[in-house]
């Protein structure tokens, strides 16, 4: 909706669009097409769930498909979630952490990948979508 309003006003579109993205708050097809059509790069915020939504963070980390992929890859669930967002949506992730171990793991995010069947399993792992910030539910921004 916001990108369409900018375009209709004759203003230049942004080169990046920071939106909430996770397996439970996915990038919808319409917004993905808008990004592709205009060369807009998605930047994911809250790919691990929001600070104020610990239940969502736990739900994401314990999705069976995420746990399975983490075990196969020998990575923590959080790394699987970050990799999923980069690999499935082509999004840039900016993960905040104060842990040196997590910083190192985040820098190593592109030395491995999720298998196609893992991507699909994570994508389909929970039909009930949930975002940390409801105004950014899939389909609200296009």
C-alpha atoms as a PDB file:
ATOM      1  CA  UNK A   1       0.000   0.000   0.000  1.00  0.00           C
ATOM      2  CA  UNK A   2       2.743   2.473   0.962  1.00  0.00           C
ATOM      3  CA  UNK A   3       4.861   1.753  -2.100  1.00  0.00           C
ATOM      4  CA  UNK A   4       1.839   2.182  -4.367  1.00  0.00           C
ATOM      5  CA  UNK A   5       1.060   5.530  -2.720  1.00  0.00           C
ATOM      6  CA  UNK A   6       4.634   6.711  -3.259  1.00  0.00           C
ATOM      7  CA  UNK A   7       4.513   5.625  -6.895  1.00  0.00           C
ATOM      8  CA  UNK A   8       1.100   7.265  -7.499  1.00  0.00           C
ATOM      9  CA  UNK A   9       2.429  10.513  -6.043  1.00  0.00           C
ATOM     10  CA  UNK A  10       5.178  10.483  -8.677  1.00  0.00           C
ATOM     11  CA  UNK A  11       7.906  10.238  -6.060  1.00  0.00           C
ATOM     12  CA  UNK A  12      10.967   8.033  -6.429  1.00  0.00           C
ATOM     13  CA  UNK A  13      10.560   4.614  -4.883  1.00  0.00           C
ATOM     14  CA  UNK A  14      12.987   3.530  -2.172  1.00  0.00           C
ATOM     15  CA  UNK A  15      15.856   1.220  -3.040  1.00  0.00           C
ATOM     16  CA  UNK A  16      15.259  -0.760   0.172  1.00  0.00           C
ATOM     17  CA  UNK A  17      12.141  -1.716   2.081  1.00  0.00           C
ATOM     18  CA  UNK A  18      12.593  -2.723   5.711  1.00  0.00           C
ATOM     19  CA  UNK A  19       9.803  -5.100   6.643  1.00  0.00           C
ATOM     20  CA  UNK A  20       9.195  -7.828   9.163  1.00  0.00           C
ATOM     21  CA  UNK A  21      10.052 -11.225   7.665  1.00  0.00           C
ATOM     22  CA  UNK A  22      10.113 -14.704   9.143  1.00  0.00           C
ATOM     23  CA  UNK A  23       8.606 -18.082   8.286  1.00  0.00           C
ATOM     24  CA  UNK A  24       5.502 -16.969  10.188  1.00  0.00           C
ATOM     25  CA  UNK A  25       5.459 -13.435   8.725  1.00  0.00           C
ATOM     26  CA  UNK A  26       6.357 -14.073   5.082  1.00  0.00           C
ATOM     27  CA  UNK A  27       6.846 -11.773   2.139  1.00  0.00           C
ATOM     28  CA  UNK A  28       3.650 -12.085   0.120  1.00  0.00           C
ATOM     29  CA  UNK A  29       3.687 -12.620  -3.637  1.00  0.00           C
ATOM     30  CA  UNK A  30       2.355  -9.158  -4.466  1.00  0.00           C
ATOM     31  CA  UNK A  31       5.040  -7.369  -2.474  1.00  0.00           C
ATOM     32  CA  UNK A  32       7.724  -9.717  -3.786  1.00  0.00           C
ATOM     33  CA  UNK A  33       6.633  -8.852  -7.353  1.00  0.00           C
ATOM     34  CA  UNK A  34       6.628  -5.114  -6.544  1.00  0.00           C
ATOM     35  CA  UNK A  35      10.170  -5.390  -5.184  1.00  0.00           C
ATOM     36  CA  UNK A  36      11.340  -7.303  -8.260  1.00  0.00           C
ATOM     37  CA  UNK A  37       9.629  -4.925 -10.692  1.00  0.00           C
ATOM     38  CA  UNK A  38      11.262  -1.855  -9.134  1.00  0.00           C
ATOM     39  CA  UNK A  39      14.591  -3.329  -7.978  1.00  0.00           C
ATOM     40  CA  UNK A  40      13.773  -2.840  -4.295  1.00  0.00           C
ATOM     41  CA  UNK A  41      15.828  -4.838  -1.787  1.00  0.00           C
ATOM     42  CA  UNK A  42      13.966  -6.253   1.211  1.00  0.00           C
ATOM     43  CA  UNK A  43      15.644  -5.796   4.583  1.00  0.00           C
ATOM     44  CA  UNK A  44      14.245  -8.107   7.245  1.00  0.00           C
ATOM     45  CA  UNK A  45      13.585  -6.903  10.736  1.00  0.00           C
ATOM     46  CA  UNK A  46      12.534  -9.234  13.521  1.00  0.00           C
ATOM     47  CA  UNK A  47      13.423 -12.418  11.588  1.00  0.00           C
ATOM     48  CA  UNK A  48      13.672 -14.169  14.970  1.00  0.00           C
ATOM     49  CA  UNK A  49      10.488 -12.632  16.363  1.00  0.00           C
ATOM     50  CA  UNK A  50      10.171  -9.292  18.080  1.00  0.00           C
ATOM     51  CA  UNK A  51      11.713  -8.261  21.371  1.00  0.00           C
ATOM     52  CA  UNK A  52       8.273  -7.755  22.869  1.00  0.00           C
ATOM     53  CA  UNK A  53       6.906 -11.065  21.583  1.00  0.00           C
ATOM     54  CA  UNK A  54       8.842 -13.804  23.385  1.00  0.00           C
ATOM     55  CA  UNK A  55       6.086 -16.321  22.598  1.00  0.00           C
ATOM     56  CA  UNK A  56       6.575 -15.746  18.889  1.00  0.00           C
ATOM     57  CA  UNK A  57      10.358 -16.052  19.244  1.00  0.00           C
ATOM     58  CA  UNK A  58       9.903 -19.409  20.965  1.00  0.00           C
ATOM     59  CA  UNK A  59       7.334 -20.548  18.414  1.00  0.00           C
ATOM     60  CA  UNK A  60       9.726 -19.778  15.550  1.00  0.00           C
ATOM     61  CA  UNK A  61      12.678 -21.537  17.185  1.00  0.00           C
ATOM     62  CA  UNK A  62      10.663 -24.650  17.943  1.00  0.00           C
ATOM     63  CA  UNK A  63       8.954 -25.171  14.596  1.00  0.00           C
ATOM     64  CA  UNK A  64       9.623 -28.850  13.830  1.00  0.00           C
ATOM     65  CA  UNK A  65      10.980 -28.061  10.349  1.00  0.00           C
ATOM     66  CA  UNK A  66      13.382 -25.487  11.816  1.00  0.00           C
ATOM     67  CA  UNK A  67      14.569 -27.936  14.469  1.00  0.00           C
ATOM     68  CA  UNK A  68      15.079 -30.628  11.819  1.00  0.00           C
ATOM     69  CA  UNK A  69      17.094 -28.305   9.555  1.00  0.00           C
ATOM     70  CA  UNK A  70      19.149 -27.097  12.524  1.00  0.00           C
ATOM     71  CA  UNK A  71      20.040 -30.652  13.469  1.00  0.00           C
ATOM     72  CA  UNK A  72      21.035 -31.527   9.899  1.00  0.00           C
ATOM     73  CA  UNK A  73      23.136 -28.386   9.480  1.00  0.00           C
ATOM     74  CA  UNK A  74      24.636 -28.501  12.976  1.00  0.00           C
ATOM     75  CA  UNK A  75      23.452 -24.922  13.526  1.00  0.00           C
ATOM     76  CA  UNK A  76      21.267 -23.280  16.145  1.00  0.00           C
ATOM     77  CA  UNK A  77      17.624 -22.691  15.224  1.00  0.00           C
ATOM     78  CA  UNK A  78      18.266 -18.925  15.134  1.00  0.00           C
ATOM     79  CA  UNK A  79      20.821 -19.412  12.353  1.00  0.00           C
ATOM     80  CA  UNK A  80      18.359 -21.540  10.402  1.00  0.00           C
ATOM     81  CA  UNK A  81      15.753 -18.781  10.707  1.00  0.00           C
ATOM     82  CA  UNK A  82      18.205 -16.108   9.502  1.00  0.00           C
ATOM     83  CA  UNK A  83      19.361 -18.312   6.626  1.00  0.00           C
ATOM     84  CA  UNK A  84      15.749 -19.049   5.697  1.00  0.00           C
ATOM     85  CA  UNK A  85      14.935 -15.339   5.382  1.00  0.00           C
ATOM     86  CA  UNK A  86      17.982 -14.671   3.210  1.00  0.00           C
ATOM     87  CA  UNK A  87      17.540 -17.745   1.061  1.00  0.00           C
ATOM     88  CA  UNK A  88      13.736 -17.829   0.684  1.00  0.00           C
ATOM     89  CA  UNK A  89      13.048 -14.094   0.390  1.00  0.00           C
ATOM     90  CA  UNK A  90      16.418 -12.791  -0.830  1.00  0.00           C
ATOM     91  CA  UNK A  91      16.321 -10.376   2.088  1.00  0.00           C
ATOM     92  CA  UNK A  92      19.186  -8.747   3.905  1.00  0.00           C
ATOM     93  CA  UNK A  93      19.126  -9.457   7.629  1.00  0.00           C
ATOM     94  CA  UNK A  94      20.511  -7.129  10.233  1.00  0.00           C
ATOM     95  CA  UNK A  95      20.624  -9.150  13.379  1.00  0.00           C
ATOM     96  CA  UNK A  96      21.364  -7.442  16.661  1.00  0.00           C
ATOM     97  CA  UNK A  97      23.364  -9.308  19.238  1.00  0.00           C
ATOM     98  CA  UNK A  98      25.783  -8.563  22.026  1.00  0.00           C
ATOM     99  CA  UNK A  99      27.180 -12.101  22.034  1.00  0.00           C
ATOM    100  CA  UNK A 100      30.523 -12.557  20.283  1.00  0.00           C
ATOM    101  CA  UNK A 101      29.635 -16.169  19.497  1.00  0.00           C
ATOM    102  CA  UNK A 102      26.418 -15.069  17.796  1.00  0.00           C
ATOM    103  CA  UNK A 103      28.293 -12.351  15.887  1.00  0.00           C
ATOM    104  CA  UNK A 104      30.721 -14.971  14.563  1.00  0.00           C
ATOM    105  CA  UNK A 105      27.849 -17.294  13.656  1.00  0.00           C
ATOM    106  CA  UNK A 106      26.066 -14.456  11.843  1.00  0.00           C
ATOM    107  CA  UNK A 107      29.183 -13.739   9.784  1.00  0.00           C
ATOM    108  CA  UNK A 108      29.230 -17.416   8.813  1.00  0.00           C
ATOM    109  CA  UNK A 109      25.633 -17.368   7.582  1.00  0.00           C
ATOM    110  CA  UNK A 110      26.557 -17.797   3.910  1.00  0.00           C
ATOM    111  CA  UNK A 111      28.982 -20.695   4.230  1.00  0.00           C
ATOM    112  CA  UNK A 112      26.066 -23.151   4.202  1.00  0.00           C
ATOM    113  CA  UNK A 113      22.537 -23.392   2.825  1.00  0.00           C
ATOM    114  CA  UNK A 114      19.182 -24.966   3.482  1.00  0.00           C
ATOM    115  CA  UNK A 115      18.166 -27.775   1.156  1.00  0.00           C
ATOM    116  CA  UNK A 116      15.126 -27.159  -1.108  1.00  0.00           C
ATOM    117  CA  UNK A 117      13.004 -29.642   0.858  1.00  0.00           C
ATOM    118  CA  UNK A 118      13.953 -27.861   4.111  1.00  0.00           C
ATOM    119  CA  UNK A 119      12.956 -24.481   2.670  1.00  0.00           C
ATOM    120  CA  UNK A 120       9.603 -25.905   1.618  1.00  0.00           C
ATOM    121  CA  UNK A 121       9.044 -27.636   4.975  1.00  0.00           C
ATOM    122  CA  UNK A 122       9.784 -24.431   6.887  1.00  0.00           C
ATOM    123  CA  UNK A 123       7.551 -22.438   4.541  1.00  0.00           C
ATOM    124  CA  UNK A 124       4.666 -24.846   5.104  1.00  0.00           C
ATOM    125  CA  UNK A 125       5.436 -25.628   8.740  1.00  0.00           C
ATOM    126  CA  UNK A 126       2.689 -23.519  10.241  1.00  0.00           C
ATOM    127  CA  UNK A 127      -0.375 -22.326   8.386  1.00  0.00           C
ATOM    128  CA  UNK A 128      -1.174 -19.710  11.028  1.00  0.00           C
ATOM    129  CA  UNK A 129       0.940 -16.654  10.276  1.00  0.00           C
ATOM    130  CA  UNK A 130       1.898 -14.258  13.022  1.00  0.00           C
ATOM    131  CA  UNK A 131       3.926 -11.075  12.966  1.00  0.00           C
ATOM    132  CA  UNK A 132       5.405  -9.205  15.914  1.00  0.00           C
ATOM    133  CA  UNK A 133       3.988  -5.966  14.581  1.00  0.00           C
ATOM    134  CA  UNK A 134       0.411  -6.530  13.265  1.00  0.00           C
ATOM    135  CA  UNK A 135       0.470  -3.522  10.952  1.00  0.00           C
ATOM    136  CA  UNK A 136       3.059  -5.430   8.942  1.00  0.00           C
ATOM    137  CA  UNK A 137       1.037  -8.603   8.423  1.00  0.00           C
ATOM    138  CA  UNK A 138       1.578 -10.086   4.993  1.00  0.00           C
ATOM    139  CA  UNK A 139      -0.462  -8.237   2.379  1.00  0.00           C
ATOM    140  CA  UNK A 140      -0.646  -4.976   4.304  1.00  0.00           C
ATOM    141  CA  UNK A 141       2.243  -3.326   2.458  1.00  0.00           C
ATOM    142  CA  UNK A 142       2.347  -3.561  -1.291  1.00  0.00           C
END
